C-alpha cells in the first residue's frame, strides 16, 4: 500500500512496523527463528568462541626481546583458527588486537609452547 509523504506530493511505500523486544536486565539477546506455525523456537546459543579472545601477556622482558616476538608471531601463524589474539603489554598496560592473520585455534599444546616462550600464566582465553 502507498501513503502520501509528509509533503503530500508523492507516495512512498508503507513500511510495516518493526517489533523490538528488550531482554531482561542481566541477560544477553539471542536470535530466535520462527518455527512452523509462526511460533518462535528456543533461542540458539552463540558459538562458544563467538566472543572469546586469546589474551597474551607480553612482559617487559619479552617486549625487549625482538626475536621472541618474531617467534611468537610465527607460532601463531602455524595454528590458524577462529579466536582473535590480543597482546597485553604489561609495561604500558595497553592492549593490541592482532589482525585476523593471527587468529588461532587454541589447544593445550599451543598454549604450552606459548607459555614456555613467555612464562607461566601468560596465555588466557576470555
PDB file of N, CA and C in Angstrom:
ATOM      1  N   UNK A   1       0.827  -1.182   0.000  1.00  0.00           N
ATOM      2  CA  UNK A   1       0.000   0.000   0.000  1.00  0.00           C
ATOM      3  C   UNK A   1       0.868   1.241   0.000  1.00  0.00           C
ATOM      4  N   UNK A   2       0.363   2.299  -0.582  1.00  0.00           N
ATOM      5  CA  UNK A   2       1.095   3.551  -0.620  1.00  0.00           C
ATOM      6  C   UNK A   2       0.398   4.566   0.252  1.00  0.00           C
ATOM      7  N   UNK A   3       1.200   5.441   0.856  1.00  0.00           N
ATOM      8  CA  UNK A   3       0.597   6.509   1.632  1.00  0.00           C
ATOM      9  C   UNK A   3       1.289   7.814   1.269  1.00  0.00           C
ATOM     10  N   UNK A   4       0.621   8.915   1.361  1.00  0.00           N
ATOM     11  CA  UNK A   4       1.228  10.186   0.969  1.00  0.00           C
ATOM     12  C   UNK A   4       2.401  10.524   1.872  1.00  0.00           C
ATOM     13  N   UNK A   5       3.400  11.183   1.282  1.00  0.00           N
ATOM     14  CA  UNK A   5       4.556  11.613   2.076  1.00  0.00           C
ATOM     15  C   UNK A   5       4.167  12.833   2.878  1.00  0.00           C
ATOM     16  N   UNK A   6       5.062  13.296   3.744  1.00  0.00           N
ATOM     17  CA  UNK A   6       4.782  14.448   4.599  1.00  0.00           C
ATOM     18  C   UNK A   6       4.478  15.686   3.759  1.00  0.00           C
ATOM     19  N   UNK A   7       5.135  15.829   2.596  1.00  0.00           N
ATOM     20  CA  UNK A   7       4.908  16.990   1.749  1.00  0.00           C
ATOM     21  C   UNK A   7       3.606  16.854   0.972  1.00  0.00           C
ATOM     22  N   UNK A   8       3.063  15.657   0.865  1.00  0.00           N
ATOM     23  CA  UNK A   8       1.809  15.408   0.177  1.00  0.00           C
ATOM     24  C   UNK A   8       1.929  15.386  -1.333  1.00  0.00           C
ATOM     25  N   UNK A   9       3.165  15.418  -1.872  1.00  0.00           N
ATOM     26  CA  UNK A   9       3.316  15.478  -3.313  1.00  0.00           C
ATOM     27  C   UNK A   9       3.627  14.135  -3.942  1.00  0.00           C
ATOM     28  N   UNK A  10       4.151  13.190  -3.184  1.00  0.00           N
ATOM     29  CA  UNK A  10       4.451  11.884  -3.766  1.00  0.00           C
ATOM     30  C   UNK A  10       4.079  10.798  -2.771  1.00  0.00           C
ATOM     31  N   UNK A  11       4.006   9.594  -3.262  1.00  0.00           N
ATOM     32  CA  UNK A  11       3.645   8.474  -2.403  1.00  0.00           C
ATOM     33  C   UNK A  11       4.882   7.635  -2.135  1.00  0.00           C
ATOM     34  N   UNK A  12       4.977   7.099  -0.938  1.00  0.00           N
ATOM     35  CA  UNK A  12       6.077   6.219  -0.573  1.00  0.00           C
ATOM     36  C   UNK A  12       5.492   4.914  -0.072  1.00  0.00           C
ATOM     37  N   UNK A  13       6.180   3.809  -0.304  1.00  0.00           N
ATOM     38  CA  UNK A  13       5.649   2.528   0.181  1.00  0.00           C
ATOM     39  C   UNK A  13       5.549   2.538   1.697  1.00  0.00           C
ATOM     40  N   UNK A  14       4.494   1.967   2.217  1.00  0.00           N
ATOM     41  CA  UNK A  14       4.339   1.849   3.666  1.00  0.00           C
ATOM     42  C   UNK A  14       5.276   0.767   4.164  1.00  0.00           C
ATOM     43  N   UNK A  15       5.913   1.015   5.264  1.00  0.00           N
ATOM     44  CA  UNK A  15       6.844   0.058   5.851  1.00  0.00           C
ATOM     45  C   UNK A  15       6.184  -0.510   7.096  1.00  0.00           C
ATOM     46  N   UNK A  16       6.115  -1.842   7.180  1.00  0.00           N
ATOM     47  CA  UNK A  16       5.500  -2.429   8.368  1.00  0.00           C
ATOM     48  C   UNK A  16       6.328  -2.088   9.603  1.00  0.00           C
ATOM     49  N   UNK A  17       5.696  -1.905  10.747  1.00  0.00           N
ATOM     50  CA  UNK A  17       6.451  -1.576  11.966  1.00  0.00           C
ATOM     51  C   UNK A  17       7.358  -2.732  12.362  1.00  0.00           C
ATOM     52  N   UNK A  18       8.488  -2.383  12.915  1.00  0.00           N
ATOM     53  CA  UNK A  18       9.447  -3.384  13.377  1.00  0.00           C
ATOM     54  C   UNK A  18       9.208  -3.602  14.851  1.00  0.00           C
ATOM     55  N   UNK A  19       9.053  -4.848  15.230  1.00  0.00           N
ATOM     56  CA  UNK A  19       8.832  -5.184  16.627  1.00  0.00           C
ATOM     57  C   UNK A  19      10.181  -5.385  17.286  1.00  0.00           C
ATOM     58  N   UNK A  20      10.403  -4.670  18.368  1.00  0.00           N
ATOM     59  CA  UNK A  20      11.644  -4.864  19.116  1.00  0.00           C
ATOM     60  C   UNK A  20      11.297  -5.231  20.542  1.00  0.00           C
ATOM     61  N   UNK A  21      12.071  -6.151  21.067  1.00  0.00           N
ATOM     62  CA  UNK A  21      11.904  -6.525  22.462  1.00  0.00           C
ATOM     63  C   UNK A  21      13.249  -6.386  23.127  1.00  0.00           C
ATOM     64  N   UNK A  22      13.232  -6.044  24.361  1.00  0.00           N
ATOM     65  CA  UNK A  22      14.478  -5.917  25.113  1.00  0.00           C
ATOM     66  C   UNK A  22      14.577  -7.073  26.094  1.00  0.00           C
ATOM     67  N   UNK A  23      15.776  -7.660  26.191  1.00  0.00           N
ATOM     68  CA  UNK A  23      15.932  -8.743  27.171  1.00  0.00           C
ATOM     69  C   UNK A  23      15.889  -8.177  28.579  1.00  0.00           C
ATOM     70  N   UNK A  24      15.564  -9.021  29.514  1.00  0.00           N
ATOM     71  CA  UNK A  24      15.560  -8.625  30.925  1.00  0.00           C
ATOM     72  C   UNK A  24      16.971  -8.222  31.321  1.00  0.00           C
ATOM     73  N   UNK A  25      17.096  -7.392  32.316  1.00  0.00           N
ATOM     74  CA  UNK A  25      18.404  -6.929  32.775  1.00  0.00           C
ATOM     75  C   UNK A  25      19.266  -8.123  33.150  1.00  0.00           C
ATOM     76  N   UNK A  26      20.522  -8.073  32.703  1.00  0.00           N
ATOM     77  CA  UNK A  26      21.463  -9.139  33.039  1.00  0.00           C
ATOM     78  C   UNK A  26      21.429 -10.305  32.071  1.00  0.00           C
ATOM     79  N   UNK A  27      20.629 -10.230  31.020  1.00  0.00           N
ATOM     80  CA  UNK A  27      20.614 -11.315  30.057  1.00  0.00           C
ATOM     81  C   UNK A  27      21.165 -10.819  28.741  1.00  0.00           C
ATOM     82  N   UNK A  28      21.486 -11.744  27.885  1.00  0.00           N
ATOM     83  CA  UNK A  28      22.020 -11.390  26.577  1.00  0.00           C
ATOM     84  C   UNK A  28      20.972 -11.681  25.527  1.00  0.00           C
ATOM     85  N   UNK A  29      20.814 -10.811  24.541  1.00  0.00           N
ATOM     86  CA  UNK A  29      19.836 -11.092  23.495  1.00  0.00           C
ATOM     87  C   UNK A  29      20.295 -12.262  22.637  1.00  0.00           C
ATOM     88  N   UNK A  30      19.366 -13.083  22.229  1.00  0.00           N
ATOM     89  CA  UNK A  30      19.654 -14.219  21.357  1.00  0.00           C
ATOM     90  C   UNK A  30      18.712 -14.155  20.169  1.00  0.00           C
ATOM     91  N   UNK A  31      19.192 -14.627  19.040  1.00  0.00           N
ATOM     92  CA  UNK A  31      18.340 -14.676  17.854  1.00  0.00           C
ATOM     93  C   UNK A  31      17.365 -15.834  17.999  1.00  0.00           C
ATOM     94  N   UNK A  32      16.148 -15.615  17.543  1.00  0.00           N
ATOM     95  CA  UNK A  32      15.182 -16.701  17.533  1.00  0.00           C
ATOM     96  C   UNK A  32      14.711 -16.889  16.107  1.00  0.00           C
ATOM     97  N   UNK A  33      14.314 -18.075  15.799  1.00  0.00           N
ATOM     98  CA  UNK A  33      13.812 -18.381  14.475  1.00  0.00           C
ATOM     99  C   UNK A  33      12.359 -18.785  14.591  1.00  0.00           C
ATOM    100  N   UNK A  34      11.587 -18.446  13.588  1.00  0.00           N
ATOM    101  CA  UNK A  34      10.174 -18.830  13.588  1.00  0.00           C
ATOM    102  C   UNK A  34      10.066 -20.299  13.224  1.00  0.00           C
ATOM    103  N   UNK A  35       9.353 -21.020  14.036  1.00  0.00           N
ATOM    104  CA  UNK A  35       9.110 -22.430  13.763  1.00  0.00           C
ATOM    105  C   UNK A  35       7.850 -22.528  12.915  1.00  0.00           C
ATOM    106  N   UNK A  36       7.595 -23.688  12.292  1.00  0.00           N
ATOM    107  CA  UNK A  36       6.363 -23.825  11.522  1.00  0.00           C
ATOM    108  C   UNK A  36       5.164 -23.459  12.392  1.00  0.00           C
ATOM    109  N   UNK A  37       4.211 -22.742  11.820  1.00  0.00           N
ATOM    110  CA  UNK A  37       3.048 -22.321  12.582  1.00  0.00           C
ATOM    111  C   UNK A  37       3.232 -20.939  13.182  1.00  0.00           C
ATOM    112  N   UNK A  38       4.374 -20.276  12.901  1.00  0.00           N
ATOM    113  CA  UNK A  38       4.596 -18.922  13.353  1.00  0.00           C
ATOM    114  C   UNK A  38       5.093 -18.803  14.779  1.00  0.00           C
ATOM    115  N   UNK A  39       5.336 -19.898  15.462  1.00  0.00           N
ATOM    116  CA  UNK A  39       5.813 -19.840  16.839  1.00  0.00           C
ATOM    117  C   UNK A  39       7.334 -19.700  16.827  1.00  0.00           C
ATOM    118  N   UNK A  40       7.867 -18.958  17.763  1.00  0.00           N
ATOM    119  CA  UNK A  40       9.316 -18.792  17.848  1.00  0.00           C
ATOM    120  C   UNK A  40       9.908 -20.004  18.555  1.00  0.00           C
ATOM    121  N   UNK A  41      11.020 -20.479  18.023  1.00  0.00           N
ATOM    122  CA  UNK A  41      11.697 -21.603  18.663  1.00  0.00           C
ATOM    123  C   UNK A  41      12.574 -21.074  19.786  1.00  0.00           C
ATOM    124  N   UNK A  42      13.163 -21.951  20.538  1.00  0.00           N
ATOM    125  CA  UNK A  42      14.040 -21.561  21.636  1.00  0.00           C
ATOM    126  C   UNK A  42      15.244 -20.803  21.074  1.00  0.00           C
ATOM    127  N   UNK A  43      15.798 -19.865  21.836  1.00  0.00           N
ATOM    128  CA  UNK A  43      16.969 -19.127  21.359  1.00  0.00           C
ATOM    129  C   UNK A  43      18.119 -20.072  21.069  1.00  0.00           C
ATOM    130  N   UNK A  44      18.870 -19.747  20.016  1.00  0.00           N
ATOM    131  CA  UNK A  44      20.038 -20.555  19.699  1.00  0.00           C
ATOM    132  C   UNK A  44      21.224 -20.003  20.461  1.00  0.00           C
ATOM    133  N   UNK A  45      22.048 -20.885  20.990  1.00  0.00           N
ATOM    134  CA  UNK A  45      23.245 -20.452  21.700  1.00  0.00           C
ATOM    135  C   UNK A  45      24.259 -19.956  20.689  1.00  0.00           C
ATOM    136  N   UNK A  46      24.971 -18.882  21.027  1.00  0.00           N
ATOM    137  CA  UNK A  46      26.019 -18.434  20.122  1.00  0.00           C
ATOM    138  C   UNK A  46      27.137 -19.457  20.103  1.00  0.00           C
ATOM    139  N   UNK A  47      27.973 -19.385  19.074  1.00  0.00           N
ATOM    140  CA  UNK A  47      29.130 -20.264  19.006  1.00  0.00           C
ATOM    141  C   UNK A  47      29.937 -20.058  20.295  1.00  0.00           C
ATOM    142  N   UNK A  48      30.496 -21.105  20.865  1.00  0.00           N
ATOM    143  CA  UNK A  48      31.222 -20.941  22.117  1.00  0.00           C
ATOM    144  C   UNK A  48      32.389 -19.968  21.986  1.00  0.00           C
ATOM    145  N   UNK A  49      32.957 -19.827  20.793  1.00  0.00           N
ATOM    146  CA  UNK A  49      34.105 -18.945  20.613  1.00  0.00           C
ATOM    147  C   UNK A  49      33.708 -17.614  20.003  1.00  0.00           C
ATOM    148  N   UNK A  50      32.413 -17.349  19.857  1.00  0.00           N
ATOM    149  CA  UNK A  50      31.962 -16.154  19.150  1.00  0.00           C
ATOM    150  C   UNK A  50      32.528 -14.874  19.757  1.00  0.00           C
ATOM    151  N   UNK A  51      32.597 -14.775  21.067  1.00  0.00           N
ATOM    152  CA  UNK A  51      33.077 -13.547  21.692  1.00  0.00           C
ATOM    153  C   UNK A  51      34.376 -13.749  22.451  1.00  0.00           C
ATOM    154  N   UNK A  52      34.893 -14.936  22.439  1.00  0.00           N
ATOM    155  CA  UNK A  52      36.128 -15.198  23.172  1.00  0.00           C
ATOM    156  C   UNK A  52      37.332 -14.721  22.383  1.00  0.00           C
ATOM    157  N   UNK A  53      38.377 -14.374  23.116  1.00  0.00           N
ATOM    158  CA  UNK A  53      39.646 -13.987  22.505  1.00  0.00           C
ATOM    159  C   UNK A  53      40.773 -14.605  23.317  1.00  0.00           C
ATOM    160  N   UNK A  54      41.912 -14.744  22.695  1.00  0.00           N
ATOM    161  CA  UNK A  54      43.099 -15.235  23.380  1.00  0.00           C
ATOM    162  C   UNK A  54      43.928 -14.020  23.777  1.00  0.00           C
ATOM    163  N   UNK A  55      44.144 -13.867  25.080  1.00  0.00           N
ATOM    164  CA  UNK A  55      44.953 -12.762  25.589  1.00  0.00           C
ATOM    165  C   UNK A  55      46.340 -13.292  25.923  1.00  0.00           C
ATOM    166  N   UNK A  56      47.351 -12.600  25.418  1.00  0.00           N
ATOM    167  CA  UNK A  56      48.738 -12.994  25.630  1.00  0.00           C
ATOM    168  C   UNK A  56      49.455 -11.848  26.330  1.00  0.00           C
ATOM    169  N   UNK A  57      49.941 -12.119  27.538  1.00  0.00           N
ATOM    170  CA  UNK A  57      50.665 -11.083  28.284  1.00  0.00           C
ATOM    171  C   UNK A  57      52.103 -11.030  27.802  1.00  0.00           C
ATOM    172  N   UNK A  58      52.507  -9.816  27.415  1.00  0.00           N
ATOM    173  CA  UNK A  58      53.885  -9.593  26.990  1.00  0.00           C
ATOM    174  C   UNK A  58      54.575  -8.843  28.131  1.00  0.00           C
ATOM    175  N   UNK A  59      55.455  -9.544  28.824  1.00  0.00           N
ATOM    176  CA  UNK A  59      56.177  -8.927  29.940  1.00  0.00           C
ATOM    177  C   UNK A  59      57.221  -7.958  29.402  1.00  0.00           C
ATOM    178  N   UNK A  60      57.757  -7.142  30.286  1.00  0.00           N
ATOM    179  CA  UNK A  60      58.802  -6.189  29.879  1.00  0.00           C
ATOM    180  C   UNK A  60      59.984  -6.930  29.246  1.00  0.00           C
ATOM    181  N   UNK A  61      60.371  -8.069  29.844  1.00  0.00           N
ATOM    182  CA  UNK A  61      61.493  -8.841  29.310  1.00  0.00           C
ATOM    183  C   UNK A  61      61.177  -9.355  27.896  1.00  0.00           C
ATOM    184  N   UNK A  62      59.963  -9.860  27.709  1.00  0.00           N
ATOM    185  CA  UNK A  62      59.582 -10.366  26.387  1.00  0.00           C
ATOM    186  C   UNK A  62      59.511  -9.234  25.374  1.00  0.00           C
ATOM    187  N   UNK A  63      59.045  -8.077  25.806  1.00  0.00           N
ATOM    188  CA  UNK A  63      58.921  -6.923  24.912  1.00  0.00           C
ATOM    189  C   UNK A  63      60.283  -6.468  24.405  1.00  0.00           C
ATOM    190  N   UNK A  64      61.300  -6.618  25.235  1.00  0.00           N
ATOM    191  CA  UNK A  64      62.650  -6.181  24.867  1.00  0.00           C
ATOM    192  C   UNK A  64      63.378  -7.205  23.996  1.00  0.00           C
ATOM    193  N   UNK A  65      62.817  -8.399  23.847  1.00  0.00           N
ATOM    194  CA  UNK A  65      63.450  -9.464  23.065  1.00  0.00           C
ATOM    195  C   UNK A  65      62.738  -9.594  21.719  1.00  0.00           C
ATOM    196  N   UNK A  66      63.241  -8.888  20.713  1.00  0.00           N
ATOM    197  CA  UNK A  66      62.605  -8.870  19.393  1.00  0.00           C
ATOM    198  C   UNK A  66      62.506 -10.271  18.790  1.00  0.00           C
ATOM    199  N   UNK A  67      63.507 -11.108  18.995  1.00  0.00           N
ATOM    200  CA  UNK A  67      63.461 -12.451  18.404  1.00  0.00           C
ATOM    201  C   UNK A  67      62.347 -13.291  19.022  1.00  0.00           C
ATOM    202  N   UNK A  68      62.047 -13.044  20.287  1.00  0.00           N
ATOM    203  CA  UNK A  68      60.966 -13.764  20.959  1.00  0.00           C
ATOM    204  C   UNK A  68      59.616 -13.404  20.331  1.00  0.00           C
ATOM    205  N   UNK A  69      59.416 -12.127  20.053  1.00  0.00           N
ATOM    206  CA  UNK A  69      58.162 -11.692  19.440  1.00  0.00           C
ATOM    207  C   UNK A  69      58.031 -12.210  18.009  1.00  0.00           C
ATOM    208  N   UNK A  70      59.140 -12.300  17.293  1.00  0.00           N
ATOM    209  CA  UNK A  70      59.123 -12.880  15.943  1.00  0.00           C
ATOM    210  C   UNK A  70      58.743 -14.360  16.033  1.00  0.00           C
ATOM    211  N   UNK A  71      59.292 -15.065  17.022  1.00  0.00           N
ATOM    212  CA  UNK A  71      58.967 -16.486  17.207  1.00  0.00           C
ATOM    213  C   UNK A  71      57.497 -16.668  17.570  1.00  0.00           C
ATOM    214  N   UNK A  72      56.963 -15.772  18.414  1.00  0.00           N
ATOM    215  CA  UNK A  72      55.554 -15.842  18.789  1.00  0.00           C
ATOM    216  C   UNK A  72      54.681 -15.644  17.555  1.00  0.00           C
ATOM    217  N   UNK A  73      55.025 -14.679  16.741  1.00  0.00           N
ATOM    218  CA  UNK A  73      54.278 -14.392  15.509  1.00  0.00           C
ATOM    219  C   UNK A  73      54.239 -15.645  14.606  1.00  0.00           C
ATOM    220  N   UNK A  74      55.375 -16.279  14.432  1.00  0.00           N
ATOM    221  CA  UNK A  74      55.441 -17.480  13.597  1.00  0.00           C
ATOM    222  C   UNK A  74      54.605 -18.612  14.198  1.00  0.00           C
ATOM    223  N   UNK A  75      54.674 -18.776  15.513  1.00  0.00           N
ATOM    224  CA  UNK A  75      53.917 -19.822  16.193  1.00  0.00           C
ATOM    225  C   UNK A  75      52.416 -19.608  16.011  1.00  0.00           C
ATOM    226  N   UNK A  76      51.964 -18.379  16.173  1.00  0.00           N
ATOM    227  CA  UNK A  76      50.541 -18.097  15.998  1.00  0.00           C
ATOM    228  C   UNK A  76      50.085 -18.431  14.579  1.00  0.00           C
ATOM    229  N   UNK A  77      50.896 -18.110  13.596  1.00  0.00           N
ATOM    230  CA  UNK A  77      50.517 -18.360  12.201  1.00  0.00           C
ATOM    231  C   UNK A  77      50.530 -19.848  11.847  1.00  0.00           C
ATOM    232  N   UNK A  78      51.195 -20.652  12.653  1.00  0.00           N
ATOM    233  CA  UNK A  78      51.203 -22.104  12.434  1.00  0.00           C
ATOM    234  C   UNK A  78      49.921 -22.762  12.936  1.00  0.00           C
ATOM    235  N   UNK A  79      49.086 -22.018  13.666  1.00  0.00           N
ATOM    236  CA  UNK A  79      47.863 -22.562  14.271  1.00  0.00           C
ATOM    237  C   UNK A  79      46.649 -21.697  13.934  1.00  0.00           C
ATOM    238  N   UNK A  80      46.342 -21.550  12.631  1.00  0.00           N
ATOM    239  CA  UNK A  80      45.221 -20.676  12.251  1.00  0.00           C
ATOM    240  C   UNK A  80      43.894 -21.208  12.782  1.00  0.00           C
ATOM    241  N   UNK A  81      43.029 -20.276  13.154  1.00  0.00           N
ATOM    242  CA  UNK A  81      41.726 -20.659  13.676  1.00  0.00           C
ATOM    243  C   UNK A  81      40.820 -19.451  13.799  1.00  0.00           C
ATOM    244  N   UNK A  82      39.790 -19.583  14.627  1.00  0.00           N
ATOM    245  CA  UNK A  82      38.747 -18.559  14.724  1.00  0.00           C
ATOM    246  C   UNK A  82      38.932 -17.568  15.863  1.00  0.00           C
ATOM    247  N   UNK A  83      39.763 -17.879  16.860  1.00  0.00           N
ATOM    248  CA  UNK A  83      39.880 -16.985  18.017  1.00  0.00           C
ATOM    249  C   UNK A  83      40.872 -15.856  17.757  1.00  0.00           C
ATOM    250  N   UNK A  84      40.395 -14.610  17.875  1.00  0.00           N
ATOM    251  CA  UNK A  84      41.301 -13.467  17.719  1.00  0.00           C
ATOM    252  C   UNK A  84      42.334 -13.450  18.848  1.00  0.00           C
ATOM    253  N   UNK A  85      43.509 -12.929  18.540  1.00  0.00           N
ATOM    254  CA  UNK A  85      44.581 -12.841  19.523  1.00  0.00           C
ATOM    255  C   UNK A  85      44.788 -11.382  19.903  1.00  0.00           C
ATOM    256  N   UNK A  86      44.903 -11.150  21.205  1.00  0.00           N
ATOM    257  CA  UNK A  86      45.135  -9.809  21.733  1.00  0.00           C
ATOM    258  C   UNK A  86      46.382  -9.865  22.603  1.00  0.00           C
ATOM    259  N   UNK A  87      47.317  -8.945  22.347  1.00  0.00           N
ATOM    260  CA  UNK A  87      48.515  -8.850  23.175  1.00  0.00           C
ATOM    261  C   UNK A  87      48.286  -7.812  24.259  1.00  0.00           C
ATOM    262  N   UNK A  88      48.677  -8.139  25.471  1.00  0.00           N
ATOM    263  CA  UNK A  88      48.613  -7.194  26.584  1.00  0.00           C
ATOM    264  C   UNK A  88      50.051  -6.867  26.973  1.00  0.00           C
ATOM    265  N   UNK A  89      50.443  -5.634  26.705  1.00  0.00           N
ATOM    266  CA  UNK A  89      51.788  -5.188  27.050  1.00  0.00           C
ATOM    267  C   UNK A  89      51.781  -4.732  28.503  1.00  0.00           C
ATOM    268  N   UNK A  90      52.420  -5.538  29.345  1.00  0.00           N
ATOM    269  CA  UNK A  90      52.402  -5.314  30.790  1.00  0.00           C
ATOM    270  C   UNK A  90      53.013  -3.969  31.175  1.00  0.00           C
ATOM    271  N   UNK A  91      54.107  -3.573  30.543  1.00  0.00           N
ATOM    272  CA  UNK A  91      54.798  -2.345  30.942  1.00  0.00           C
ATOM    273  C   UNK A  91      53.961  -1.094  30.694  1.00  0.00           C
ATOM    274  N   UNK A  92      53.222  -1.051  29.601  1.00  0.00           N
ATOM    275  CA  UNK A  92      52.422   0.135  29.280  1.00  0.00           C
ATOM    276  C   UNK A  92      50.939  -0.052  29.581  1.00  0.00           C
ATOM    277  N   UNK A  93      50.556  -1.263  29.996  1.00  0.00           N
ATOM    278  CA  UNK A  93      49.155  -1.584  30.296  1.00  0.00           C
ATOM    279  C   UNK A  93      48.257  -1.363  29.075  1.00  0.00           C
ATOM    280  N   UNK A  94      48.760  -1.682  27.895  1.00  0.00           N
ATOM    281  CA  UNK A  94      47.998  -1.489  26.657  1.00  0.00           C
ATOM    282  C   UNK A  94      47.665  -2.818  26.009  1.00  0.00           C
ATOM    283  N   UNK A  95      46.503  -2.831  25.344  1.00  0.00           N
ATOM    284  CA  UNK A  95      46.072  -3.993  24.581  1.00  0.00           C
ATOM    285  C   UNK A  95      46.290  -3.725  23.103  1.00  0.00           C
ATOM    286  N   UNK A  96      46.719  -4.741  22.382  1.00  0.00           N
ATOM    287  CA  UNK A  96      46.890  -4.639  20.940  1.00  0.00           C
ATOM    288  C   UNK A  96      46.189  -5.836  20.302  1.00  0.00           C
ATOM    289  N   UNK A  97      45.076  -5.576  19.619  1.00  0.00           N
ATOM    290  CA  UNK A  97      44.348  -6.643  18.925  1.00  0.00           C
ATOM    291  C   UNK A  97      45.075  -6.921  17.621  1.00  0.00           C
ATOM    292  N   UNK A  98      45.465  -8.158  17.415  1.00  0.00           N
ATOM    293  CA  UNK A  98      46.183  -8.530  16.202  1.00  0.00           C
ATOM    294  C   UNK A  98      45.210  -8.755  15.050  1.00  0.00           C
ATOM    295  N   UNK A  99      45.718  -8.693  13.835  1.00  0.00           N
ATOM    296  CA  UNK A  99      44.880  -8.893  12.656  1.00  0.00           C
ATOM    297  C   UNK A  99      44.399 -10.343  12.593  1.00  0.00           C
ATOM    298  N   UNK A 100      43.444 -10.596  11.710  1.00  0.00           N
ATOM    299  CA  UNK A 100      42.894 -11.943  11.543  1.00  0.00           C
ATOM    300  C   UNK A 100      43.961 -12.957  11.142  1.00  0.00           C
ATOM    301  N   UNK A 101      45.065 -12.502  10.592  1.00  0.00           N
ATOM    302  CA  UNK A 101      46.156 -13.410  10.211  1.00  0.00           C
ATOM    303  C   UNK A 101      46.716 -14.134  11.434  1.00  0.00           C
ATOM    304  N   UNK A 102      46.451 -13.589  12.631  1.00  0.00           N
ATOM    305  CA  UNK A 102      46.964 -14.181  13.868  1.00  0.00           C
ATOM    306  C   UNK A 102      45.856 -14.786  14.728  1.00  0.00           C
ATOM    307  N   UNK A 103      44.675 -14.967  14.160  1.00  0.00           N
ATOM    308  CA  UNK A 103      43.616 -15.687  14.881  1.00  0.00           C
ATOM    309  C   UNK A 103      44.036 -17.146  14.942  1.00  0.00           C
ATOM    310  N   UNK A 104      43.779 -17.777  16.082  1.00  0.00           N
ATOM    311  CA  UNK A 104      44.308 -19.126  16.281  1.00  0.00           C
ATOM    312  C   UNK A 104      43.229 -20.124  16.671  1.00  0.00           C
ATOM    313  N   UNK A 105      43.603 -21.385  16.535  1.00  0.00           N
ATOM    314  CA  UNK A 105      42.801 -22.488  17.058  1.00  0.00           C
ATOM    315  C   UNK A 105      43.502 -22.920  18.350  1.00  0.00           C
ATOM    316  N   UNK A 106      42.890 -22.629  19.499  1.00  0.00           N
ATOM    317  CA  UNK A 106      43.574 -22.931  20.757  1.00  0.00           C
ATOM    318  C   UNK A 106      43.706 -24.426  21.010  1.00  0.00           C
ATOM    319  N   UNK A 107      44.773 -24.786  21.651  1.00  0.00           N
ATOM    320  CA  UNK A 107      44.980 -26.170  22.078  1.00  0.00           C
ATOM    321  C   UNK A 107      45.940 -26.142  23.265  1.00  0.00           C
ATOM    322  N   UNK A 108      45.880 -27.159  24.112  1.00  0.00           N
ATOM    323  CA  UNK A 108      46.817 -27.208  25.240  1.00  0.00           C
ATOM    324  C   UNK A 108      48.276 -27.205  24.765  1.00  0.00           C
ATOM    325  N   UNK A 109      48.549 -27.877  23.657  1.00  0.00           N
ATOM    326  CA  UNK A 109      49.922 -27.934  23.143  1.00  0.00           C
ATOM    327  C   UNK A 109      50.398 -26.542  22.709  1.00  0.00           C
ATOM    328  N   UNK A 110      49.526 -25.797  22.012  1.00  0.00           N
ATOM    329  CA  UNK A 110      49.892 -24.451  21.578  1.00  0.00           C
ATOM    330  C   UNK A 110      50.135 -23.559  22.793  1.00  0.00           C
ATOM    331  N   UNK A 111      49.234 -23.603  23.761  1.00  0.00           N
ATOM    332  CA  UNK A 111      49.382 -22.753  24.937  1.00  0.00           C
ATOM    333  C   UNK A 111      50.634 -23.119  25.722  1.00  0.00           C
ATOM    334  N   UNK A 112      50.958 -24.408  25.802  1.00  0.00           N
ATOM    335  CA  UNK A 112      52.190 -24.827  26.481  1.00  0.00           C
ATOM    336  C   UNK A 112      53.411 -24.224  25.789  1.00  0.00           C
ATOM    337  N   UNK A 113      53.417 -24.258  24.456  1.00  0.00           N
ATOM    338  CA  UNK A 113      54.549 -23.688  23.710  1.00  0.00           C
ATOM    339  C   UNK A 113      54.633 -22.184  23.918  1.00  0.00           C
ATOM    340  N   UNK A 114      53.487 -21.513  23.906  1.00  0.00           N
ATOM    341  CA  UNK A 114      53.481 -20.067  24.106  1.00  0.00           C
ATOM    342  C   UNK A 114      53.981 -19.715  25.505  1.00  0.00           C
ATOM    343  N   UNK A 115      53.512 -20.458  26.514  1.00  0.00           N
ATOM    344  CA  UNK A 115      53.926 -20.174  27.882  1.00  0.00           C
ATOM    345  C   UNK A 115      55.380 -20.555  28.136  1.00  0.00           C
ATOM    346  N   UNK A 116      55.900 -21.527  27.389  1.00  0.00           N
ATOM    347  CA  UNK A 116      57.325 -21.845  27.546  1.00  0.00           C
ATOM    348  C   UNK A 116      58.174 -20.696  26.996  1.00  0.00           C
ATOM    349  N   UNK A 117      57.642 -19.946  26.029  1.00  0.00           N
ATOM    350  CA  UNK A 117      58.348 -18.791  25.480  1.00  0.00           C
ATOM    351  C   UNK A 117      58.194 -17.559  26.372  1.00  0.00           C
ATOM    352  N   UNK A 118      56.980 -17.346  26.890  1.00  0.00           N
ATOM    353  CA  UNK A 118      56.632 -16.084  27.545  1.00  0.00           C
ATOM    354  C   UNK A 118      56.521 -16.160  29.063  1.00  0.00           C
ATOM    355  N   UNK A 119      56.412 -17.367  29.591  1.00  0.00           N
ATOM    356  CA  UNK A 119      56.278 -17.529  31.043  1.00  0.00           C
ATOM    357  C   UNK A 119      54.918 -18.131  31.409  1.00  0.00           C
ATOM    358  N   UNK A 120      54.890 -18.801  32.539  1.00  0.00           N
ATOM    359  CA  UNK A 120      53.651 -19.448  33.008  1.00  0.00           C
ATOM    360  C   UNK A 120      52.585 -18.401  33.270  1.00  0.00           C
ATOM    361  N   UNK A 121      51.353 -18.734  32.889  1.00  0.00           N
ATOM    362  CA  UNK A 121      50.217 -17.861  33.156  1.00  0.00           C
ATOM    363  C   UNK A 121      50.080 -16.674  32.233  1.00  0.00           C
ATOM    364  N   UNK A 122      50.792 -16.674  31.111  1.00  0.00           N
ATOM    365  CA  UNK A 122      50.752 -15.529  30.218  1.00  0.00           C
ATOM    366  C   UNK A 122      49.700 -15.662  29.106  1.00  0.00           C
ATOM    367  N   UNK A 123      49.023 -16.806  29.016  1.00  0.00           N
ATOM    368  CA  UNK A 123      48.040 -17.025  27.963  1.00  0.00           C
ATOM    369  C   UNK A 123      46.695 -17.377  28.600  1.00  0.00           C
ATOM    370  N   UNK A 124      45.672 -16.643  28.224  1.00  0.00           N
ATOM    371  CA  UNK A 124      44.325 -16.881  28.764  1.00  0.00           C
ATOM    372  C   UNK A 124      43.294 -16.718  27.639  1.00  0.00           C
ATOM    373  N   UNK A 125      42.230 -17.527  27.705  1.00  0.00           N
ATOM    374  CA  UNK A 125      41.090 -17.354  26.812  1.00  0.00           C
ATOM    375  C   UNK A 125      39.988 -16.726  27.643  1.00  0.00           C
ATOM    376  N   UNK A 126      39.490 -15.583  27.181  1.00  0.00           N
ATOM    377  CA  UNK A 126      38.397 -14.891  27.897  1.00  0.00           C
ATOM    378  C   UNK A 126      37.325 -14.529  26.898  1.00  0.00           C
TER     379      UNK A 126
END
